[in-house]
C-alpha cells in the first residue's frame, strides 16, 4: 500500500464509525507530543513516536500494519473518551467545589468514581471489531496479555459498564 491508499482506507474506516473526515492525512512531521508520524511513501514506512523533541520509538511497518496501528490508536482514544464521558464521580459536594478552584485536590483520597479499564477496553475491542473482525480479535488478544500481567482490580471489576457506542454504528 502507498501512503495515499492507507489514508483513503483510514477515511473509509472513519466513515464506518460515523466520523467522516474527508481531509484526513497521516502526520509526516513530529508534533513533539507523542503523536505518531511516518516517514516514507510506501510500501514500507517508518512509524515514529516523538515526544518532547526526542524520538521514543521507530518501527518499519508495511501499509496494512500502519493502517491497523493508526486505527487502533484512534479507536482506543474514542473508547477512553466515551468511558470518561460516562464516568460518575461520587465525591462529596464540598470537594467538587474545591476541585473547581484547585483541580485534582485530594484526588483519590476522598470520594471515588466508577473508572474501570475493563470499560474502555471492551469499547475498544467492539470498535475495532466493527471495523474488521480480525482487528477486534487482535486487540482482544493484546488486551488479554496485558490484563494477565496487570489484572483489573476488584473495583474495576465491580465498576465495569458496557459503553453505548451506537453513535459509532456499534451495537
Protein backbone atom coordinates (compact mmCIF):
# COMPACT_ATOMS: atom_id res chain seq x y z
CA UNK A 1 0.00 0.00 0.00
CA UNK A 2 1.11 3.52 -0.75
CA UNK A 3 0.53 6.32 1.76
CA UNK A 4 -2.42 7.67 -0.24
CA UNK A 5 -4.06 4.22 -0.12
CA UNK A 6 -3.57 3.99 3.65
CA UNK A 7 -5.07 7.46 4.10
CA UNK A 8 -8.06 6.52 1.91
CA UNK A 9 -8.60 3.35 3.98
CA UNK A 10 -8.48 5.39 7.20
CA UNK A 11 -11.02 7.87 5.80
CA UNK A 12 -13.27 4.94 4.83
CA UNK A 13 -12.95 3.43 8.34
CA UNK A 14 -13.77 6.76 9.98
CA UNK A 15 -16.86 6.95 7.80
CA UNK A 16 -17.90 3.48 9.01
CA UNK A 17 -17.97 4.76 12.61
CA UNK A 18 -19.98 7.85 11.61
CA UNK A 19 -16.97 10.16 11.94
CA UNK A 20 -16.26 11.18 8.35
CA UNK A 21 -13.03 13.13 7.92
CA UNK A 22 -12.61 13.75 4.17
CA UNK A 23 -9.36 15.67 4.61
CA UNK A 24 -7.62 13.11 6.83
CA UNK A 25 -3.87 12.78 6.25
CA UNK A 26 -1.24 10.94 8.24
CA UNK A 27 1.22 13.16 10.09
CA UNK A 28 4.55 13.27 8.32
CA UNK A 29 6.33 15.59 10.74
CA UNK A 30 6.71 15.24 14.50
CA UNK A 31 4.39 17.20 16.76
CA UNK A 32 6.52 16.55 19.82
CA UNK A 33 3.53 15.36 21.87
CA UNK A 34 3.78 11.61 21.40
CA UNK A 35 1.54 11.55 18.31
CA UNK A 36 2.94 9.03 15.82
CA UNK A 37 4.11 10.22 12.42
CA UNK A 38 5.55 8.45 9.40
CA UNK A 39 8.45 8.69 7.04
CA UNK A 40 8.17 7.13 3.58
CA UNK A 41 5.59 6.86 0.83
CA UNK A 42 5.17 3.07 0.89
CA UNK A 43 5.04 0.20 0.57
CA UNK A 44 7.09 0.34 3.81
CA UNK A 45 7.01 3.17 6.33
CA UNK A 46 8.93 4.21 9.40
CA UNK A 47 6.36 4.71 12.17
CA UNK A 48 7.91 7.12 14.65
CA UNK A 49 6.80 8.33 18.06
CA UNK A 50 8.47 11.57 19.11
CA UNK A 51 7.98 13.19 22.50
CA UNK A 52 9.50 16.45 23.72
CA UNK A 53 11.83 16.55 20.74
CA UNK A 54 13.17 13.05 21.43
CA UNK A 55 12.46 10.01 19.31
CA UNK A 56 10.88 7.37 21.57
CA UNK A 57 10.38 4.61 19.03
CA UNK A 58 10.84 3.84 15.34
CA UNK A 59 9.50 0.78 13.58
CA UNK A 60 9.37 -0.19 9.93
CA UNK A 61 5.87 -1.38 9.00
CA UNK A 62 4.00 -2.11 5.81
CA UNK A 63 0.86 -0.24 4.80
CA UNK A 64 -1.55 -2.79 6.26
CA UNK A 65 0.17 -2.70 9.65
CA UNK A 66 0.30 1.10 9.53
CA UNK A 67 -3.45 1.17 8.87
CA UNK A 68 -4.09 -1.12 11.83
CA UNK A 69 -1.81 0.81 14.19
CA UNK A 70 -3.32 4.20 13.38
CA UNK A 71 -6.90 2.95 13.68
CA UNK A 72 -6.10 1.01 16.86
CA UNK A 73 -4.84 4.23 18.45
CA UNK A 74 -7.78 6.30 17.21
CA UNK A 75 -10.37 3.74 18.37
CA UNK A 76 -8.66 3.48 21.78
CA UNK A 77 -8.85 7.25 22.17
CA UNK A 78 -12.55 7.19 21.26
CA UNK A 79 -13.25 4.37 23.74
CA UNK A 80 -11.34 6.17 26.51
CA UNK A 81 -13.18 9.43 25.80
CA UNK A 82 -16.54 7.62 25.96
CA UNK A 83 -15.55 5.97 29.25
CA UNK A 84 -14.60 9.35 30.69
CA UNK A 85 -17.79 10.96 29.38
CA UNK A 86 -19.94 8.34 31.11
CA UNK A 87 -17.90 8.12 34.31
CA UNK A 88 -19.66 9.18 37.50
CA UNK A 89 -17.89 10.89 40.37
CA UNK A 90 -19.09 10.22 43.90
CA UNK A 91 -17.02 12.88 45.63
CA UNK A 92 -18.81 14.97 48.26
CA UNK A 93 -20.20 18.28 47.00
CA UNK A 94 -17.73 20.34 49.06
CA UNK A 95 -14.85 18.51 47.38
CA UNK A 96 -16.33 19.08 43.92
CA UNK A 97 -16.46 22.81 44.69
CA UNK A 98 -12.86 22.73 45.92
CA UNK A 99 -11.74 20.95 42.73
CA UNK A 100 -13.20 23.75 40.60
CA UNK A 101 -10.81 26.11 42.35
CA UNK A 102 -7.98 23.58 42.80
CA UNK A 103 -8.12 20.89 40.10
CA UNK A 104 -7.13 17.46 41.37
CA UNK A 105 -7.39 18.44 45.04
CA UNK A 106 -7.32 15.34 47.25
CA UNK A 107 -7.63 13.17 44.14
CA UNK A 108 -8.00 9.54 45.11
CA UNK A 109 -8.13 10.32 48.81
CA UNK A 110 -11.74 11.40 49.26
CA UNK A 111 -14.63 10.30 47.10
CA UNK A 112 -14.38 7.95 44.17
CA UNK A 113 -15.56 7.32 40.65
CA UNK A 114 -16.56 4.29 38.65
CA UNK A 115 -13.44 4.10 36.46
CA UNK A 116 -12.61 0.70 35.04
CA UNK A 117 -10.04 -0.16 32.40
CA UNK A 118 -12.36 -3.00 31.52
CA UNK A 119 -14.96 -0.49 30.35
CA UNK A 120 -12.82 1.24 27.74
CA UNK A 121 -11.02 -1.98 26.78
CA UNK A 122 -14.37 -3.59 25.94
CA UNK A 123 -15.36 -0.49 23.97
CA UNK A 124 -12.03 -0.51 22.13
CA UNK A 125 -12.46 -4.16 21.13
CA UNK A 126 -16.04 -3.55 19.96
CA UNK A 127 -15.00 -0.55 17.84
CA UNK A 128 -12.14 -2.48 16.21
CA UNK A 129 -14.41 -5.49 15.62
CA UNK A 130 -16.90 -3.16 13.94
CA UNK A 131 -14.16 -2.12 11.50
CA UNK A 132 -12.80 -5.64 10.94
CA UNK A 133 -13.40 -8.79 12.97
CA UNK A 134 -9.73 -9.87 12.79
CA UNK A 135 -8.65 -6.49 14.16
CA UNK A 136 -11.07 -6.89 17.05
CA UNK A 137 -9.65 -10.34 17.75
CA UNK A 138 -6.10 -8.97 17.64
CA UNK A 139 -6.89 -6.12 20.05
CA UNK A 140 -8.69 -8.62 22.31
CA UNK A 141 -5.59 -10.84 22.38
CA UNK A 142 -3.29 -7.87 23.08
CA UNK A 143 -5.50 -6.72 25.96
CA UNK A 144 -5.78 -10.23 27.39
CA UNK A 145 -1.98 -10.40 27.55
CA UNK A 146 -1.84 -7.01 29.27
CA UNK A 147 -4.56 -7.99 31.77
CA UNK A 148 -2.75 -11.22 32.64
CA UNK A 149 0.21 -9.10 33.63
CA UNK A 150 -1.77 -6.22 35.17
CA UNK A 151 -5.17 -7.63 36.18
CA UNK A 152 -8.21 -5.50 36.81
CA UNK A 153 -8.63 -4.54 40.45
CA UNK A 154 -11.68 -5.60 42.44
CA UNK A 155 -13.07 -2.08 42.00
CA UNK A 156 -12.51 -2.19 38.24
CA UNK A 157 -14.42 -5.48 38.04
CA UNK A 158 -17.26 -4.01 40.09
CA UNK A 159 -17.34 -0.77 38.07
CA UNK A 160 -17.34 -2.39 34.63
CA UNK A 161 -20.07 -1.00 32.40
CA UNK A 162 -20.82 -1.56 28.73
CA UNK A 163 -20.45 1.65 26.76
CA UNK A 164 -23.22 2.73 24.42
CA UNK A 165 -21.35 3.01 21.13
CA UNK A 166 -24.43 3.27 18.91
CA UNK A 167 -23.33 6.76 17.82
CA UNK A 168 -20.41 4.99 16.14
CA UNK A 169 -22.61 2.37 14.47
CA UNK A 170 -21.63 -0.30 17.01
CA UNK A 171 -24.35 -2.46 18.53
